Amino acid sequence: GRKEGDIRNKIQSLENDLSTLKNNLEFFGRSKNADKIKADFEQKIKKGEADLAHMKHQLKVVRQAAD
């Protein structure tokens, strides 16, 4: 249904964001004073991954409700 599509779009968007963050983290990892920046990125990645897990769970719930 529509709700499932909305959740799928959010998951896709979040996965893209996480991919970008991880690429940026690798890029900053090569610079000398990157610790602060890396910590920020790692925090964003952790939050993003938690959000992603939550959305995947929501998607499963919505699918089960549709059956």
N, C-alpha and C. Protein backbone atom coordinates (compact mmCIF):
# COMPACT_ATOMS: atom_id res chain seq x y z
N GLY A 1 0.80 -1.20 0.00
CA GLY A 1 0.00 0.00 0.00
C GLY A 1 0.84 1.26 0.00
N ARG A 2 0.16 2.37 0.17
CA ARG A 2 0.83 3.67 0.13
C ARG A 2 1.79 3.83 1.30
N LYS A 3 1.36 3.41 2.48
CA LYS A 3 2.21 3.54 3.67
C LYS A 3 3.51 2.74 3.49
N GLU A 4 3.36 1.54 2.92
CA GLU A 4 4.54 0.71 2.67
C GLU A 4 5.51 1.41 1.71
N GLY A 5 4.95 2.03 0.68
CA GLY A 5 5.77 2.78 -0.28
C GLY A 5 6.50 3.95 0.37
N ASP A 6 5.79 4.66 1.25
CA ASP A 6 6.40 5.78 1.97
C ASP A 6 7.59 5.31 2.80
N ILE A 7 7.39 4.21 3.53
CA ILE A 7 8.46 3.68 4.38
C ILE A 7 9.64 3.22 3.53
N ARG A 8 9.33 2.55 2.42
CA ARG A 8 10.39 2.10 1.52
C ARG A 8 11.22 3.28 1.01
N ASN A 9 10.55 4.39 0.65
CA ASN A 9 11.25 5.58 0.17
C ASN A 9 12.15 6.16 1.25
N LYS A 10 11.65 6.19 2.49
CA LYS A 10 12.45 6.71 3.60
C LYS A 10 13.67 5.83 3.83
N ILE A 11 13.47 4.51 3.76
CA ILE A 11 14.58 3.57 3.94
C ILE A 11 15.64 3.80 2.86
N GLN A 12 15.19 3.92 1.62
CA GLN A 12 16.12 4.14 0.50
C GLN A 12 16.91 5.44 0.71
N SER A 13 16.22 6.49 1.08
CA SER A 13 16.85 7.78 1.30
C SER A 13 17.88 7.70 2.43
N LEU A 14 17.50 7.03 3.52
CA LEU A 14 18.40 6.90 4.67
C LEU A 14 19.62 6.07 4.31
N GLU A 15 19.41 5.00 3.53
CA GLU A 15 20.55 4.18 3.11
C GLU A 15 21.51 5.00 2.26
N ASN A 16 20.98 5.86 1.40
CA ASN A 16 21.83 6.74 0.59
C ASN A 16 22.61 7.71 1.48
N ASP A 17 21.92 8.29 2.47
CA ASP A 17 22.58 9.22 3.39
C ASP A 17 23.70 8.52 4.15
N LEU A 18 23.43 7.30 4.63
CA LEU A 18 24.44 6.56 5.39
C LEU A 18 25.65 6.25 4.52
N SER A 19 25.39 5.89 3.28
CA SER A 19 26.47 5.60 2.35
C SER A 19 27.36 6.84 2.17
N THR A 20 26.72 7.99 2.00
CA THR A 20 27.45 9.26 1.86
C THR A 20 28.26 9.56 3.11
N LEU A 21 27.64 9.40 4.28
CA LEU A 21 28.34 9.65 5.54
C LEU A 21 29.57 8.76 5.68
N LYS A 22 29.40 7.48 5.33
CA LYS A 22 30.53 6.55 5.45
C LYS A 22 31.66 6.91 4.49
N ASN A 23 31.30 7.34 3.29
CA ASN A 23 32.32 7.79 2.34
C ASN A 23 33.05 9.02 2.87
N ASN A 24 32.28 9.96 3.42
CA ASN A 24 32.87 11.17 3.99
C ASN A 24 33.79 10.83 5.16
N LEU A 25 33.35 9.87 5.97
CA LEU A 25 34.15 9.47 7.13
C LEU A 25 35.50 8.93 6.68
N GLU A 26 35.52 8.12 5.62
CA GLU A 26 36.78 7.60 5.09
C GLU A 26 37.66 8.73 4.58
N PHE A 27 37.02 9.68 3.90
CA PHE A 27 37.76 10.82 3.37
C PHE A 27 38.41 11.62 4.51
N PHE A 28 37.63 11.91 5.55
CA PHE A 28 38.17 12.69 6.68
C PHE A 28 39.16 11.89 7.49
N GLY A 29 39.02 10.58 7.44
CA GLY A 29 39.92 9.72 8.19
C GLY A 29 41.37 9.90 7.78
N ARG A 30 41.59 10.44 6.58
CA ARG A 30 42.94 10.63 6.08
C ARG A 30 43.55 11.96 6.52
N SER A 31 42.73 12.84 7.08
CA SER A 31 43.28 14.13 7.49
C SER A 31 43.73 14.08 8.96
N LYS A 32 44.64 14.98 9.30
CA LYS A 32 45.31 14.88 10.60
C LYS A 32 44.40 15.18 11.80
N ASN A 33 43.70 16.31 11.74
CA ASN A 33 42.87 16.68 12.89
C ASN A 33 41.41 16.32 12.63
N ALA A 34 41.20 15.07 12.30
CA ALA A 34 39.88 14.62 11.91
C ALA A 34 39.07 14.05 13.07
N ASP A 35 39.68 13.93 14.26
CA ASP A 35 39.00 13.23 15.34
C ASP A 35 37.62 13.79 15.68
N LYS A 36 37.53 15.11 15.77
CA LYS A 36 36.25 15.75 16.09
C LYS A 36 35.22 15.48 14.99
N ILE A 37 35.66 15.69 13.76
CA ILE A 37 34.77 15.49 12.61
C ILE A 37 34.35 14.03 12.52
N LYS A 38 35.32 13.12 12.71
CA LYS A 38 35.01 11.69 12.65
C LYS A 38 34.00 11.31 13.73
N ALA A 39 34.17 11.87 14.91
CA ALA A 39 33.23 11.57 16.01
C ALA A 39 31.82 12.01 15.63
N ASP A 40 31.69 13.19 15.02
CA ASP A 40 30.39 13.68 14.57
C ASP A 40 29.77 12.74 13.53
N PHE A 41 30.60 12.34 12.56
CA PHE A 41 30.10 11.45 11.52
C PHE A 41 29.68 10.11 12.10
N GLU A 42 30.50 9.58 13.00
CA GLU A 42 30.19 8.28 13.59
C GLU A 42 28.88 8.33 14.37
N GLN A 43 28.65 9.46 15.04
CA GLN A 43 27.40 9.64 15.78
C GLN A 43 26.22 9.68 14.81
N LYS A 44 26.37 10.41 13.71
CA LYS A 44 25.30 10.49 12.70
C LYS A 44 25.03 9.12 12.09
N ILE A 45 26.10 8.37 11.84
CA ILE A 45 25.96 7.03 11.26
C ILE A 45 25.23 6.12 12.24
N LYS A 46 25.62 6.16 13.50
CA LYS A 46 24.94 5.33 14.51
C LYS A 46 23.45 5.66 14.58
N LYS A 47 23.14 6.96 14.61
CA LYS A 47 21.74 7.37 14.66
C LYS A 47 21.01 6.92 13.40
N GLY A 48 21.64 7.11 12.26
CA GLY A 48 21.04 6.71 11.00
C GLY A 48 20.76 5.22 10.95
N GLU A 49 21.71 4.43 11.44
CA GLU A 49 21.53 2.98 11.43
C GLU A 49 20.40 2.55 12.38
N ALA A 50 20.29 3.26 13.51
CA ALA A 50 19.19 2.98 14.44
C ALA A 50 17.85 3.33 13.80
N ASP A 51 17.79 4.49 13.13
CA ASP A 51 16.57 4.90 12.43
C ASP A 51 16.20 3.89 11.35
N LEU A 52 17.23 3.42 10.64
CA LEU A 52 17.03 2.46 9.56
C LEU A 52 16.44 1.16 10.10
N ALA A 53 16.99 0.67 11.19
CA ALA A 53 16.49 -0.56 11.80
C ALA A 53 15.03 -0.38 12.22
N HIS A 54 14.73 0.79 12.78
CA HIS A 54 13.36 1.10 13.20
C HIS A 54 12.41 1.09 12.01
N MET A 55 12.83 1.72 10.91
CA MET A 55 11.97 1.80 9.72
C MET A 55 11.76 0.43 9.09
N LYS A 56 12.82 -0.39 9.08
CA LYS A 56 12.69 -1.74 8.53
C LYS A 56 11.70 -2.55 9.37
N HIS A 57 11.73 -2.33 10.68
CA HIS A 57 10.77 -2.99 11.56
C HIS A 57 9.35 -2.50 11.25
N GLN A 58 9.19 -1.20 11.08
CA GLN A 58 7.88 -0.62 10.73
C GLN A 58 7.35 -1.23 9.44
N LEU A 59 8.24 -1.38 8.46
CA LEU A 59 7.86 -1.94 7.16
C LEU A 59 7.33 -3.36 7.35
N LYS A 60 8.01 -4.13 8.19
CA LYS A 60 7.60 -5.50 8.46
C LYS A 60 6.21 -5.52 9.11
N VAL A 61 5.99 -4.61 10.07
CA VAL A 61 4.70 -4.51 10.76
C VAL A 61 3.60 -4.16 9.77
N VAL A 62 3.86 -3.19 8.90
CA VAL A 62 2.88 -2.76 7.90
C VAL A 62 2.54 -3.91 6.95
N ARG A 63 3.58 -4.64 6.53
CA ARG A 63 3.34 -5.80 5.64
C ARG A 63 2.50 -6.86 6.31
N GLN A 64 2.79 -7.14 7.57
CA GLN A 64 2.03 -8.17 8.30
C GLN A 64 0.57 -7.75 8.45
N ALA A 65 0.37 -6.46 8.69
CA ALA A 65 -0.99 -5.94 8.84
C ALA A 65 -1.76 -6.05 7.52
N ALA A 66 -1.05 -5.96 6.41
CA ALA A 66 -1.68 -6.01 5.08
C ALA A 66 -2.07 -7.43 4.67
N ASP A 67 -1.42 -8.42 5.28
CA ASP A 67 -1.72 -9.81 4.92
C ASP A 67 -3.09 -10.28 5.35
